[in-house]
């Protein structure tokens, strides 16, 4: 991977959790439940278009990393930096791993 692709991938991975942390709560706070739906459409849709349509994130080889992984890692890092305890996130991380394994197993049965 070249240096420009590294920078582009880092920026693409950074944008999604940054926008979630910056905008999602405010949209829900200002517009209620419809704000959450709007945030999902605008934030996820715009970021998906940038990372996949414009190809900000470069992936090679057999491993495929989902956009949600970048959001999870970015939001976890932002929470720890903001002063939250990492130990509070451990149950969610464990269940996310279990859910990913279960989802991958179920998907593999259909292929």
C-alpha atoms as a PDB file:
ATOM      1  CA  UNK A   1       0.000   0.000   0.000  1.00  0.00           C
ATOM      2  CA  UNK A   2       1.355   3.394  -0.941  1.00  0.00           C
ATOM      3  CA  UNK A   3       1.528   6.443   1.349  1.00  0.00           C
ATOM      4  CA  UNK A   4      -1.353   8.271  -0.418  1.00  0.00           C
ATOM      5  CA  UNK A   5      -3.559   5.175  -0.065  1.00  0.00           C
ATOM      6  CA  UNK A   6      -2.649   4.947   3.633  1.00  0.00           C
ATOM      7  CA  UNK A   7      -3.599   8.576   4.203  1.00  0.00           C
ATOM      8  CA  UNK A   8      -6.820   8.175   2.223  1.00  0.00           C
ATOM      9  CA  UNK A   9      -7.771   5.026   4.167  1.00  0.00           C
ATOM     10  CA  UNK A  10      -7.026   6.691   7.500  1.00  0.00           C
ATOM     11  CA  UNK A  11      -9.119   9.728   6.531  1.00  0.00           C
ATOM     12  CA  UNK A  12     -11.958   7.522   5.311  1.00  0.00           C
ATOM     13  CA  UNK A  13     -11.928   5.532   8.538  1.00  0.00           C
ATOM     14  CA  UNK A  14     -11.801   8.719  10.615  1.00  0.00           C
ATOM     15  CA  UNK A  15     -14.686  10.542   8.954  1.00  0.00           C
ATOM     16  CA  UNK A  16     -17.453   8.125   9.960  1.00  0.00           C
ATOM     17  CA  UNK A  17     -16.956   8.026  13.758  1.00  0.00           C
ATOM     18  CA  UNK A  18     -16.117  11.734  13.742  1.00  0.00           C
ATOM     19  CA  UNK A  19     -19.437  12.630  12.114  1.00  0.00           C
ATOM     20  CA  UNK A  20     -21.351  10.248  14.377  1.00  0.00           C
ATOM     21  CA  UNK A  21     -19.819  11.766  17.491  1.00  0.00           C
ATOM     22  CA  UNK A  22     -20.233  15.317  16.219  1.00  0.00           C
ATOM     23  CA  UNK A  23     -23.721  15.258  14.690  1.00  0.00           C
ATOM     24  CA  UNK A  24     -25.863  12.249  15.626  1.00  0.00           C
ATOM     25  CA  UNK A  25     -26.647  13.258  19.209  1.00  0.00           C
ATOM     26  CA  UNK A  26     -27.396  16.844  18.238  1.00  0.00           C
ATOM     27  CA  UNK A  27     -29.779  15.746  15.505  1.00  0.00           C
ATOM     28  CA  UNK A  28     -31.669  13.486  17.921  1.00  0.00           C
ATOM     29  CA  UNK A  29     -31.631  16.180  20.590  1.00  0.00           C
ATOM     30  CA  UNK A  30     -33.052  18.812  18.222  1.00  0.00           C
ATOM     31  CA  UNK A  31     -35.493  16.726  16.167  1.00  0.00           C
ATOM     32  CA  UNK A  32     -36.273  13.724  18.363  1.00  0.00           C
ATOM     33  CA  UNK A  33     -36.594  10.225  16.901  1.00  0.00           C
ATOM     34  CA  UNK A  34     -36.864  11.517  13.330  1.00  0.00           C
ATOM     35  CA  UNK A  35     -33.472  13.151  13.885  1.00  0.00           C
ATOM     36  CA  UNK A  36     -32.007   9.693  14.476  1.00  0.00           C
ATOM     37  CA  UNK A  37     -33.444   8.479  11.196  1.00  0.00           C
ATOM     38  CA  UNK A  38     -32.167  11.563   9.415  1.00  0.00           C
ATOM     39  CA  UNK A  39     -28.730  11.117  10.989  1.00  0.00           C
ATOM     40  CA  UNK A  40     -28.682   7.502   9.851  1.00  0.00           C
ATOM     41  CA  UNK A  41     -29.494   8.525   6.312  1.00  0.00           C
ATOM     42  CA  UNK A  42     -27.239  11.550   6.054  1.00  0.00           C
ATOM     43  CA  UNK A  43     -24.223  10.429   8.078  1.00  0.00           C
ATOM     44  CA  UNK A  44     -24.128   6.781   7.057  1.00  0.00           C
ATOM     45  CA  UNK A  45     -25.177   7.494   3.473  1.00  0.00           C
ATOM     46  CA  UNK A  46     -22.690  10.293   2.933  1.00  0.00           C
ATOM     47  CA  UNK A  47     -19.843   8.374   4.541  1.00  0.00           C
ATOM     48  CA  UNK A  48     -20.681   5.213   2.614  1.00  0.00           C
ATOM     49  CA  UNK A  49     -20.613   7.206  -0.617  1.00  0.00           C
ATOM     50  CA  UNK A  50     -17.216   8.685   0.266  1.00  0.00           C
ATOM     51  CA  UNK A  51     -15.629   5.415   1.361  1.00  0.00           C
ATOM     52  CA  UNK A  52     -17.093   3.144  -1.321  1.00  0.00           C
ATOM     53  CA  UNK A  53     -18.152   5.427  -4.158  1.00  0.00           C
ATOM     54  CA  UNK A  54     -15.147   7.755  -4.076  1.00  0.00           C
ATOM     55  CA  UNK A  55     -12.976   4.892  -2.716  1.00  0.00           C
ATOM     56  CA  UNK A  56     -11.448   6.712   0.243  1.00  0.00           C
ATOM     57  CA  UNK A  57     -10.829   3.356   1.918  1.00  0.00           C
ATOM     58  CA  UNK A  58      -8.451   1.007   0.115  1.00  0.00           C
ATOM     59  CA  UNK A  59      -8.789  -2.700   0.805  1.00  0.00           C
ATOM     60  CA  UNK A  60      -6.669  -5.444  -0.670  1.00  0.00           C
ATOM     61  CA  UNK A  61      -6.318  -9.148  -0.162  1.00  0.00           C
ATOM     62  CA  UNK A  62      -8.849 -11.575   1.242  1.00  0.00           C
ATOM     63  CA  UNK A  63      -9.766  -9.676   4.412  1.00  0.00           C
ATOM     64  CA  UNK A  64     -12.690  -7.277   4.215  1.00  0.00           C
ATOM     65  CA  UNK A  65     -13.281  -4.670   6.906  1.00  0.00           C
ATOM     66  CA  UNK A  66     -16.738  -3.207   7.327  1.00  0.00           C
ATOM     67  CA  UNK A  67     -17.432   0.484   7.871  1.00  0.00           C
ATOM     68  CA  UNK A  68     -18.930  -0.403  11.263  1.00  0.00           C
ATOM     69  CA  UNK A  69     -15.521  -1.585  12.480  1.00  0.00           C
ATOM     70  CA  UNK A  70     -14.086   1.881  11.876  1.00  0.00           C
ATOM     71  CA  UNK A  71     -17.039   3.468  13.676  1.00  0.00           C
ATOM     72  CA  UNK A  72     -16.712   1.129  16.640  1.00  0.00           C
ATOM     73  CA  UNK A  73     -12.974   1.619  17.068  1.00  0.00           C
ATOM     74  CA  UNK A  74     -13.199   5.373  16.509  1.00  0.00           C
ATOM     75  CA  UNK A  75     -16.055   5.889  18.957  1.00  0.00           C
ATOM     76  CA  UNK A  76     -14.389   3.665  21.554  1.00  0.00           C
ATOM     77  CA  UNK A  77     -11.148   5.642  21.253  1.00  0.00           C
ATOM     78  CA  UNK A  78     -13.025   8.955  21.473  1.00  0.00           C
ATOM     79  CA  UNK A  79     -14.877   7.795  24.586  1.00  0.00           C
ATOM     80  CA  UNK A  80     -11.694   6.675  26.327  1.00  0.00           C
ATOM     81  CA  UNK A  81      -9.956   9.945  25.448  1.00  0.00           C
ATOM     82  CA  UNK A  82     -12.992  11.855  26.782  1.00  0.00           C
ATOM     83  CA  UNK A  83     -12.554  10.125  30.154  1.00  0.00           C
ATOM     84  CA  UNK A  84     -14.913   7.140  30.015  1.00  0.00           C
ATOM     85  CA  UNK A  85     -13.689   3.815  31.368  1.00  0.00           C
ATOM     86  CA  UNK A  86     -12.719   1.109  28.873  1.00  0.00           C
ATOM     87  CA  UNK A  87     -14.102  -1.557  31.200  1.00  0.00           C
ATOM     88  CA  UNK A  88     -17.626  -0.222  30.581  1.00  0.00           C
ATOM     89  CA  UNK A  89     -17.247  -1.097  26.893  1.00  0.00           C
ATOM     90  CA  UNK A  90     -15.971  -4.662  27.368  1.00  0.00           C
ATOM     91  CA  UNK A  91     -19.430  -6.348  27.492  1.00  0.00           C
ATOM     92  CA  UNK A  92     -20.461  -4.552  24.291  1.00  0.00           C
ATOM     93  CA  UNK A  93     -17.227  -5.573  22.584  1.00  0.00           C
ATOM     94  CA  UNK A  94     -17.731  -9.211  23.602  1.00  0.00           C
ATOM     95  CA  UNK A  95     -21.309  -9.260  22.335  1.00  0.00           C
ATOM     96  CA  UNK A  96     -20.290  -7.526  19.097  1.00  0.00           C
ATOM     97  CA  UNK A  97     -17.682 -10.246  18.500  1.00  0.00           C
ATOM     98  CA  UNK A  98     -20.229 -12.987  19.268  1.00  0.00           C
ATOM     99  CA  UNK A  99     -22.760 -11.318  16.958  1.00  0.00           C
ATOM    100  CA  UNK A 100     -20.186 -11.027  14.177  1.00  0.00           C
ATOM    101  CA  UNK A 101     -19.236 -14.676  14.486  1.00  0.00           C
ATOM    102  CA  UNK A 102     -22.879 -15.740  14.549  1.00  0.00           C
ATOM    103  CA  UNK A 103     -23.738 -13.493  11.591  1.00  0.00           C
ATOM    104  CA  UNK A 104     -20.763 -14.803   9.615  1.00  0.00           C
ATOM    105  CA  UNK A 105     -21.749 -18.401  10.370  1.00  0.00           C
ATOM    106  CA  UNK A 106     -25.361 -17.814   9.318  1.00  0.00           C
ATOM    107  CA  UNK A 107     -24.236 -16.057   6.148  1.00  0.00           C
ATOM    108  CA  UNK A 108     -21.842 -18.890   5.324  1.00  0.00           C
ATOM    109  CA  UNK A 109     -24.698 -21.396   5.426  1.00  0.00           C
ATOM    110  CA  UNK A 110     -26.411 -19.563   2.551  1.00  0.00           C
ATOM    111  CA  UNK A 111     -23.380 -19.358   0.279  1.00  0.00           C
END
